[in-house]
């Protein structure tokens, strides 16, 4: 979603396949219950407290910046979510997870992230869990979020990718991964590469992990 004009309240939104399905039902099932805000396109180094025209113009360059239109690739948009943290917070929350993942074809791994420097704790599991975004779900035979059983999470976790969709998002306190066993995806390459992005649903903390799948001729 994006604001098209910073002088007029006009919003451009792209619905997911599931969103279009619910909207088409016209039975009230299409309801926006949560939303997120981000400032990916803002360059705060343009804030100028030395502006010769005074304090009303310190942020003039920022306010005049063009804003992004909506586009549907969730791996490339809203990387810097706005979040509310307790007053006096001295460190931004970060996600603790493995620095990289290497899986042989058909191999499995469980990812159980924790959030550091959040709500006065050194490390904690977030109440709402984590969003797990795989950039290319074709590389996975299993991509399953577990541990969060709300209706919204269960619906998201059961959504199937279709057509040219490659990325997929699931929600949970942990993630079950199993690498693909499809040899044709590799072509003549010995490995496949993708990324896993983990976002804390309470804190907004975010980390992106590279994933390598090695071909074993299954």
C-alpha atoms as a PDB file:
ATOM      1  CA  UNK A   1       0.000   0.000   0.000  1.00  0.00           C
ATOM      2  CA  UNK A   2       1.274   3.528  -0.691  1.00  0.00           C
ATOM      3  CA  UNK A   3       0.229   7.158  -0.385  1.00  0.00           C
ATOM      4  CA  UNK A   4       0.167   8.622  -3.898  1.00  0.00           C
ATOM      5  CA  UNK A   5       0.065  12.276  -2.917  1.00  0.00           C
ATOM      6  CA  UNK A   6       1.379  13.764   0.306  1.00  0.00           C
ATOM      7  CA  UNK A   7      -0.959  16.772  -0.063  1.00  0.00           C
ATOM      8  CA  UNK A   8      -4.179  14.745  -0.424  1.00  0.00           C
ATOM      9  CA  UNK A   9      -5.215  11.665   1.541  1.00  0.00           C
ATOM     10  CA  UNK A  10      -5.218   9.222  -1.384  1.00  0.00           C
ATOM     11  CA  UNK A  11      -4.218   5.606  -0.868  1.00  0.00           C
ATOM     12  CA  UNK A  12      -3.213   3.062  -3.504  1.00  0.00           C
ATOM     13  CA  UNK A  13      -3.608  -0.559  -2.410  1.00  0.00           C
ATOM     14  CA  UNK A  14      -3.004  -3.913  -4.082  1.00  0.00           C
ATOM     15  CA  UNK A  15      -5.041  -6.807  -2.725  1.00  0.00           C
ATOM     16  CA  UNK A  16      -3.603 -10.284  -2.448  1.00  0.00           C
ATOM     17  CA  UNK A  17      -5.333 -13.171  -4.195  1.00  0.00           C
ATOM     18  CA  UNK A  18      -7.009 -14.051  -0.883  1.00  0.00           C
ATOM     19  CA  UNK A  19      -8.070 -10.445  -0.370  1.00  0.00           C
ATOM     20  CA  UNK A  20      -9.698 -10.274  -3.816  1.00  0.00           C
ATOM     21  CA  UNK A  21     -11.488 -13.539  -3.096  1.00  0.00           C
ATOM     22  CA  UNK A  22     -12.935 -12.191   0.172  1.00  0.00           C
ATOM     23  CA  UNK A  23     -13.870  -8.849  -1.416  1.00  0.00           C
ATOM     24  CA  UNK A  24     -15.692 -10.635  -4.259  1.00  0.00           C
ATOM     25  CA  UNK A  25     -17.884 -12.504  -1.764  1.00  0.00           C
ATOM     26  CA  UNK A  26     -19.517  -9.194  -0.757  1.00  0.00           C
ATOM     27  CA  UNK A  27     -20.679 -10.783   2.502  1.00  0.00           C
ATOM     28  CA  UNK A  28     -18.667  -8.763   4.999  1.00  0.00           C
ATOM     29  CA  UNK A  29     -15.833 -11.312   5.215  1.00  0.00           C
ATOM     30  CA  UNK A  30     -13.386  -8.750   3.769  1.00  0.00           C
ATOM     31  CA  UNK A  31     -12.361  -6.853   6.899  1.00  0.00           C
ATOM     32  CA  UNK A  32      -9.060  -5.072   7.523  1.00  0.00           C
ATOM     33  CA  UNK A  33      -8.268  -5.748  11.186  1.00  0.00           C
ATOM     34  CA  UNK A  34      -4.544  -4.919  11.217  1.00  0.00           C
ATOM     35  CA  UNK A  35      -2.211  -2.750   9.214  1.00  0.00           C
ATOM     36  CA  UNK A  36       1.413  -1.668   9.345  1.00  0.00           C
ATOM     37  CA  UNK A  37       3.221   1.573   8.560  1.00  0.00           C
ATOM     38  CA  UNK A  38       6.767   1.967   7.297  1.00  0.00           C
ATOM     39  CA  UNK A  39       9.109   4.714   6.141  1.00  0.00           C
ATOM     40  CA  UNK A  40      11.321   2.897   3.638  1.00  0.00           C
ATOM     41  CA  UNK A  41      11.436   5.820   1.201  1.00  0.00           C
ATOM     42  CA  UNK A  42      12.345   8.530   3.744  1.00  0.00           C
ATOM     43  CA  UNK A  43      15.925   9.812   3.914  1.00  0.00           C
ATOM     44  CA  UNK A  44      16.227  11.351   7.376  1.00  0.00           C
ATOM     45  CA  UNK A  45      19.683  12.755   6.598  1.00  0.00           C
ATOM     46  CA  UNK A  46      17.816  15.472   4.657  1.00  0.00           C
ATOM     47  CA  UNK A  47      16.469  16.934   7.935  1.00  0.00           C
ATOM     48  CA  UNK A  48      18.205  20.305   8.139  1.00  0.00           C
ATOM     49  CA  UNK A  49      18.217  22.103  11.507  1.00  0.00           C
ATOM     50  CA  UNK A  50      20.424  24.771   9.910  1.00  0.00           C
ATOM     51  CA  UNK A  51      17.845  25.832   7.323  1.00  0.00           C
ATOM     52  CA  UNK A  52      18.113  29.636   6.911  1.00  0.00           C
ATOM     53  CA  UNK A  53      14.313  30.057   6.927  1.00  0.00           C
ATOM     54  CA  UNK A  54      13.874  28.677  10.424  1.00  0.00           C
ATOM     55  CA  UNK A  55      12.479  25.618  12.204  1.00  0.00           C
ATOM     56  CA  UNK A  56       9.325  25.400  10.068  1.00  0.00           C
ATOM     57  CA  UNK A  57      11.569  24.422   7.149  1.00  0.00           C
ATOM     58  CA  UNK A  58      13.864  21.888   8.849  1.00  0.00           C
ATOM     59  CA  UNK A  59      11.940  18.974   7.319  1.00  0.00           C
ATOM     60  CA  UNK A  60      10.984  20.640   4.040  1.00  0.00           C
ATOM     61  CA  UNK A  61      13.178  18.374   1.887  1.00  0.00           C
ATOM     62  CA  UNK A  62      11.738  15.253   3.545  1.00  0.00           C
ATOM     63  CA  UNK A  63       8.149  16.426   3.164  1.00  0.00           C
ATOM     64  CA  UNK A  64       8.722  17.016  -0.547  1.00  0.00           C
ATOM     65  CA  UNK A  65      10.139  13.565  -1.280  1.00  0.00           C
ATOM     66  CA  UNK A  66       8.187  11.349  -3.704  1.00  0.00           C
ATOM     67  CA  UNK A  67       6.442   8.422  -2.027  1.00  0.00           C
ATOM     68  CA  UNK A  68       6.324   4.843  -3.272  1.00  0.00           C
ATOM     69  CA  UNK A  69       3.298   3.463  -5.052  1.00  0.00           C
ATOM     70  CA  UNK A  70       2.002   0.087  -3.964  1.00  0.00           C
ATOM     71  CA  UNK A  71       3.691  -3.038  -5.280  1.00  0.00           C
ATOM     72  CA  UNK A  72       3.055  -6.612  -4.200  1.00  0.00           C
ATOM     73  CA  UNK A  73       6.540  -8.012  -3.496  1.00  0.00           C
ATOM     74  CA  UNK A  74       6.582  -8.271   0.288  1.00  0.00           C
ATOM     75  CA  UNK A  75      10.295  -9.107   0.291  1.00  0.00           C
ATOM     76  CA  UNK A  76      11.104  -5.661  -1.123  1.00  0.00           C
ATOM     77  CA  UNK A  77       8.652  -3.332   0.602  1.00  0.00           C
ATOM     78  CA  UNK A  78       8.059  -2.174   4.192  1.00  0.00           C
ATOM     79  CA  UNK A  79      11.446  -3.295   5.449  1.00  0.00           C
ATOM     80  CA  UNK A  80      11.488  -0.565   8.089  1.00  0.00           C
ATOM     81  CA  UNK A  81       8.248  -0.877  10.015  1.00  0.00           C
ATOM     82  CA  UNK A  82       7.179   1.864  12.406  1.00  0.00           C
ATOM     83  CA  UNK A  83       6.674   0.567  15.912  1.00  0.00           C
ATOM     84  CA  UNK A  84       5.905   1.908  19.394  1.00  0.00           C
ATOM     85  CA  UNK A  85       8.420   1.073  22.118  1.00  0.00           C
ATOM     86  CA  UNK A  86       8.402   2.002  25.816  1.00  0.00           C
ATOM     87  CA  UNK A  87       9.759   5.437  26.694  1.00  0.00           C
ATOM     88  CA  UNK A  88      13.412   5.238  27.631  1.00  0.00           C
ATOM     89  CA  UNK A  89      14.205   2.350  25.283  1.00  0.00           C
ATOM     90  CA  UNK A  90      17.936   2.588  24.577  1.00  0.00           C
ATOM     91  CA  UNK A  91      18.333  -0.300  22.123  1.00  0.00           C
ATOM     92  CA  UNK A  92      16.247  -1.332  19.146  1.00  0.00           C
ATOM     93  CA  UNK A  93      14.900  -4.905  19.283  1.00  0.00           C
ATOM     94  CA  UNK A  94      16.689  -7.398  17.061  1.00  0.00           C
ATOM     95  CA  UNK A  95      15.925 -10.976  16.001  1.00  0.00           C
ATOM     96  CA  UNK A  96      18.222 -13.751  17.181  1.00  0.00           C
ATOM     97  CA  UNK A  97      18.425 -16.537  14.592  1.00  0.00           C
ATOM     98  CA  UNK A  98      20.963 -18.591  12.673  1.00  0.00           C
ATOM     99  CA  UNK A  99      23.144 -16.410  10.381  1.00  0.00           C
ATOM    100  CA  UNK A 100      22.574 -18.677   7.379  1.00  0.00           C
ATOM    101  CA  UNK A 101      20.848 -21.939   6.451  1.00  0.00           C
ATOM    102  CA  UNK A 102      22.301 -24.711   4.288  1.00  0.00           C
ATOM    103  CA  UNK A 103      20.067 -27.709   3.539  1.00  0.00           C
ATOM    104  CA  UNK A 104      20.573 -30.763   1.382  1.00  0.00           C
ATOM    105  CA  UNK A 105      17.620 -31.812  -0.766  1.00  0.00           C
ATOM    106  CA  UNK A 106      14.890 -33.259   1.434  1.00  0.00           C
ATOM    107  CA  UNK A 107      16.604 -32.165   4.679  1.00  0.00           C
ATOM    108  CA  UNK A 108      14.588 -30.487   7.445  1.00  0.00           C
ATOM    109  CA  UNK A 109      15.268 -27.772   9.992  1.00  0.00           C
ATOM    110  CA  UNK A 110      13.269 -25.962  12.681  1.00  0.00           C
ATOM    111  CA  UNK A 111      13.819 -22.209  13.136  1.00  0.00           C
ATOM    112  CA  UNK A 112      12.819 -20.821  16.550  1.00  0.00           C
ATOM    113  CA  UNK A 113      13.776 -17.121  16.713  1.00  0.00           C
ATOM    114  CA  UNK A 114      13.842 -14.929  19.783  1.00  0.00           C
ATOM    115  CA  UNK A 115      13.735 -11.156  20.113  1.00  0.00           C
ATOM    116  CA  UNK A 116      16.588  -9.389  21.890  1.00  0.00           C
ATOM    117  CA  UNK A 117      16.389  -6.067  23.759  1.00  0.00           C
ATOM    118  CA  UNK A 118      12.597  -6.044  23.881  1.00  0.00           C
ATOM    119  CA  UNK A 119      10.390  -4.886  26.789  1.00  0.00           C
ATOM    120  CA  UNK A 120      13.302  -4.972  29.198  1.00  0.00           C
ATOM    121  CA  UNK A 121      14.243  -8.575  28.425  1.00  0.00           C
ATOM    122  CA  UNK A 122      17.563  -9.815  27.098  1.00  0.00           C
ATOM    123  CA  UNK A 123      15.654 -12.318  24.954  1.00  0.00           C
ATOM    124  CA  UNK A 124      11.981 -13.200  24.648  1.00  0.00           C
ATOM    125  CA  UNK A 125       9.514 -15.035  22.405  1.00  0.00           C
ATOM    126  CA  UNK A 126       6.987 -12.519  21.080  1.00  0.00           C
ATOM    127  CA  UNK A 127       3.338 -13.013  22.035  1.00  0.00           C
ATOM    128  CA  UNK A 128       2.032 -12.642  18.481  1.00  0.00           C
ATOM    129  CA  UNK A 129       4.879 -14.715  17.093  1.00  0.00           C
ATOM    130  CA  UNK A 130       6.810 -14.009  13.921  1.00  0.00           C
ATOM    131  CA  UNK A 131       6.100 -13.583  10.221  1.00  0.00           C
ATOM    132  CA  UNK A 132       8.319 -15.820   8.106  1.00  0.00           C
ATOM    133  CA  UNK A 133       8.708 -14.790   4.449  1.00  0.00           C
ATOM    134  CA  UNK A 134      10.439 -17.077   1.955  1.00  0.00           C
ATOM    135  CA  UNK A 135      11.502 -15.314  -1.235  1.00  0.00           C
ATOM    136  CA  UNK A 136      11.086 -18.442  -3.402  1.00  0.00           C
ATOM    137  CA  UNK A 137       8.777 -21.069  -1.929  1.00  0.00           C
ATOM    138  CA  UNK A 138       9.602 -23.466  -4.779  1.00  0.00           C
ATOM    139  CA  UNK A 139      12.833 -24.253  -2.939  1.00  0.00           C
ATOM    140  CA  UNK A 140      10.842 -25.763  -0.067  1.00  0.00           C
ATOM    141  CA  UNK A 141       8.853 -28.967   0.156  1.00  0.00           C
ATOM    142  CA  UNK A 142       7.593 -27.836   3.573  1.00  0.00           C
ATOM    143  CA  UNK A 143       7.278 -24.231   4.753  1.00  0.00           C
ATOM    144  CA  UNK A 144       5.095 -24.270   7.867  1.00  0.00           C
ATOM    145  CA  UNK A 145       4.608 -21.812  10.706  1.00  0.00           C
ATOM    146  CA  UNK A 146       3.529 -23.353  14.026  1.00  0.00           C
ATOM    147  CA  UNK A 147       2.657 -22.099  17.489  1.00  0.00           C
ATOM    148  CA  UNK A 148       0.174 -19.285  16.690  1.00  0.00           C
ATOM    149  CA  UNK A 149      -3.362 -20.579  16.340  1.00  0.00           C
ATOM    150  CA  UNK A 150      -5.482 -17.487  15.735  1.00  0.00           C
ATOM    151  CA  UNK A 151      -7.960 -17.661  12.851  1.00  0.00           C
ATOM    152  CA  UNK A 152      -6.001 -15.028  10.902  1.00  0.00           C
ATOM    153  CA  UNK A 153      -2.750 -16.959  11.268  1.00  0.00           C
ATOM    154  CA  UNK A 154      -4.317 -20.290  10.360  1.00  0.00           C
ATOM    155  CA  UNK A 155      -5.871 -18.754   7.237  1.00  0.00           C
ATOM    156  CA  UNK A 156      -2.563 -17.211   6.190  1.00  0.00           C
ATOM    157  CA  UNK A 157      -0.638 -20.418   6.842  1.00  0.00           C
ATOM    158  CA  UNK A 158      -3.047 -22.460   4.713  1.00  0.00           C
ATOM    159  CA  UNK A 159      -2.955 -20.077   1.713  1.00  0.00           C
ATOM    160  CA  UNK A 160      -1.455 -21.707  -1.378  1.00  0.00           C
ATOM    161  CA  UNK A 161       0.719 -19.843  -3.859  1.00  0.00           C
ATOM    162  CA  UNK A 162      -0.593 -19.827  -7.415  1.00  0.00           C
ATOM    163  CA  UNK A 163       0.515 -18.721 -10.858  1.00  0.00           C
ATOM    164  CA  UNK A 164       3.772 -16.791 -10.861  1.00  0.00           C
ATOM    165  CA  UNK A 165       3.767 -16.118  -7.091  1.00  0.00           C
ATOM    166  CA  UNK A 166       7.116 -17.121  -5.615  1.00  0.00           C
ATOM    167  CA  UNK A 167       7.219 -15.643  -2.131  1.00  0.00           C
ATOM    168  CA  UNK A 168       5.094 -16.949   0.714  1.00  0.00           C
ATOM    169  CA  UNK A 169       4.394 -15.756   4.251  1.00  0.00           C
ATOM    170  CA  UNK A 170       3.469 -17.892   7.263  1.00  0.00           C
ATOM    171  CA  UNK A 171       3.087 -17.004  10.936  1.00  0.00           C
ATOM    172  CA  UNK A 172       4.207 -18.845  14.056  1.00  0.00           C
ATOM    173  CA  UNK A 173       6.530 -18.918  17.030  1.00  0.00           C
ATOM    174  CA  UNK A 174       8.698 -21.334  15.055  1.00  0.00           C
ATOM    175  CA  UNK A 175       9.108 -22.456  11.457  1.00  0.00           C
ATOM    176  CA  UNK A 176       9.386 -25.939   9.977  1.00  0.00           C
ATOM    177  CA  UNK A 177      11.506 -26.098   6.825  1.00  0.00           C
ATOM    178  CA  UNK A 178      12.068 -29.010   4.484  1.00  0.00           C
ATOM    179  CA  UNK A 179      14.089 -28.517   1.318  1.00  0.00           C
ATOM    180  CA  UNK A 180      12.600 -29.472  -2.029  1.00  0.00           C
ATOM    181  CA  UNK A 181      13.254 -32.868  -3.579  1.00  0.00           C
ATOM    182  CA  UNK A 182      12.512 -31.652  -7.124  1.00  0.00           C
ATOM    183  CA  UNK A 183      15.691 -32.027  -9.176  1.00  0.00           C
ATOM    184  CA  UNK A 184      14.395 -30.100 -12.195  1.00  0.00           C
ATOM    185  CA  UNK A 185      14.499 -26.826 -10.254  1.00  0.00           C
ATOM    186  CA  UNK A 186      18.298 -26.999 -10.160  1.00  0.00           C
ATOM    187  CA  UNK A 187      18.867 -27.360 -13.891  1.00  0.00           C
ATOM    188  CA  UNK A 188      22.649 -27.589 -14.251  1.00  0.00           C
ATOM    189  CA  UNK A 189      23.279 -25.732 -10.977  1.00  0.00           C
ATOM    190  CA  UNK A 190      24.544 -27.604  -7.888  1.00  0.00           C
ATOM    191  CA  UNK A 191      22.651 -25.289  -5.494  1.00  0.00           C
ATOM    192  CA  UNK A 192      19.560 -23.119  -5.201  1.00  0.00           C
ATOM    193  CA  UNK A 193      19.625 -19.762  -3.417  1.00  0.00           C
ATOM    194  CA  UNK A 194      16.825 -17.886  -1.661  1.00  0.00           C
ATOM    195  CA  UNK A 195      16.271 -15.807   1.471  1.00  0.00           C
ATOM    196  CA  UNK A 196      14.164 -16.093   4.631  1.00  0.00           C
ATOM    197  CA  UNK A 197      12.959 -12.877   6.282  1.00  0.00           C
ATOM    198  CA  UNK A 198      11.771 -13.029   9.901  1.00  0.00           C
ATOM    199  CA  UNK A 199       9.724 -10.160  11.344  1.00  0.00           C
ATOM    200  CA  UNK A 200       8.623  -9.844  14.970  1.00  0.00           C
ATOM    201  CA  UNK A 201       4.875  -9.208  14.960  1.00  0.00           C
ATOM    202  CA  UNK A 202       5.008  -7.298  18.270  1.00  0.00           C
ATOM    203  CA  UNK A 203       8.355  -5.516  18.023  1.00  0.00           C
ATOM    204  CA  UNK A 204       8.739  -4.983  14.264  1.00  0.00           C
ATOM    205  CA  UNK A 205      12.321  -6.285  14.481  1.00  0.00           C
ATOM    206  CA  UNK A 206      13.498  -7.839  11.239  1.00  0.00           C
ATOM    207  CA  UNK A 207      16.291 -10.065   9.943  1.00  0.00           C
ATOM    208  CA  UNK A 208      16.988 -11.641   6.536  1.00  0.00           C
ATOM    209  CA  UNK A 209      18.816 -14.974   6.334  1.00  0.00           C
ATOM    210  CA  UNK A 210      20.341 -16.486   3.155  1.00  0.00           C
ATOM    211  CA  UNK A 211      19.310 -20.076   2.372  1.00  0.00           C
ATOM    212  CA  UNK A 212      21.249 -22.516   0.207  1.00  0.00           C
ATOM    213  CA  UNK A 213      19.785 -25.816  -1.003  1.00  0.00           C
ATOM    214  CA  UNK A 214      22.352 -28.336  -2.246  1.00  0.00           C
ATOM    215  CA  UNK A 215      21.519 -30.872  -4.944  1.00  0.00           C
ATOM    216  CA  UNK A 216      21.932 -34.525  -3.895  1.00  0.00           C
ATOM    217  CA  UNK A 217      20.293 -36.271  -6.890  1.00  0.00           C
ATOM    218  CA  UNK A 218      17.291 -37.608  -4.976  1.00  0.00           C
END
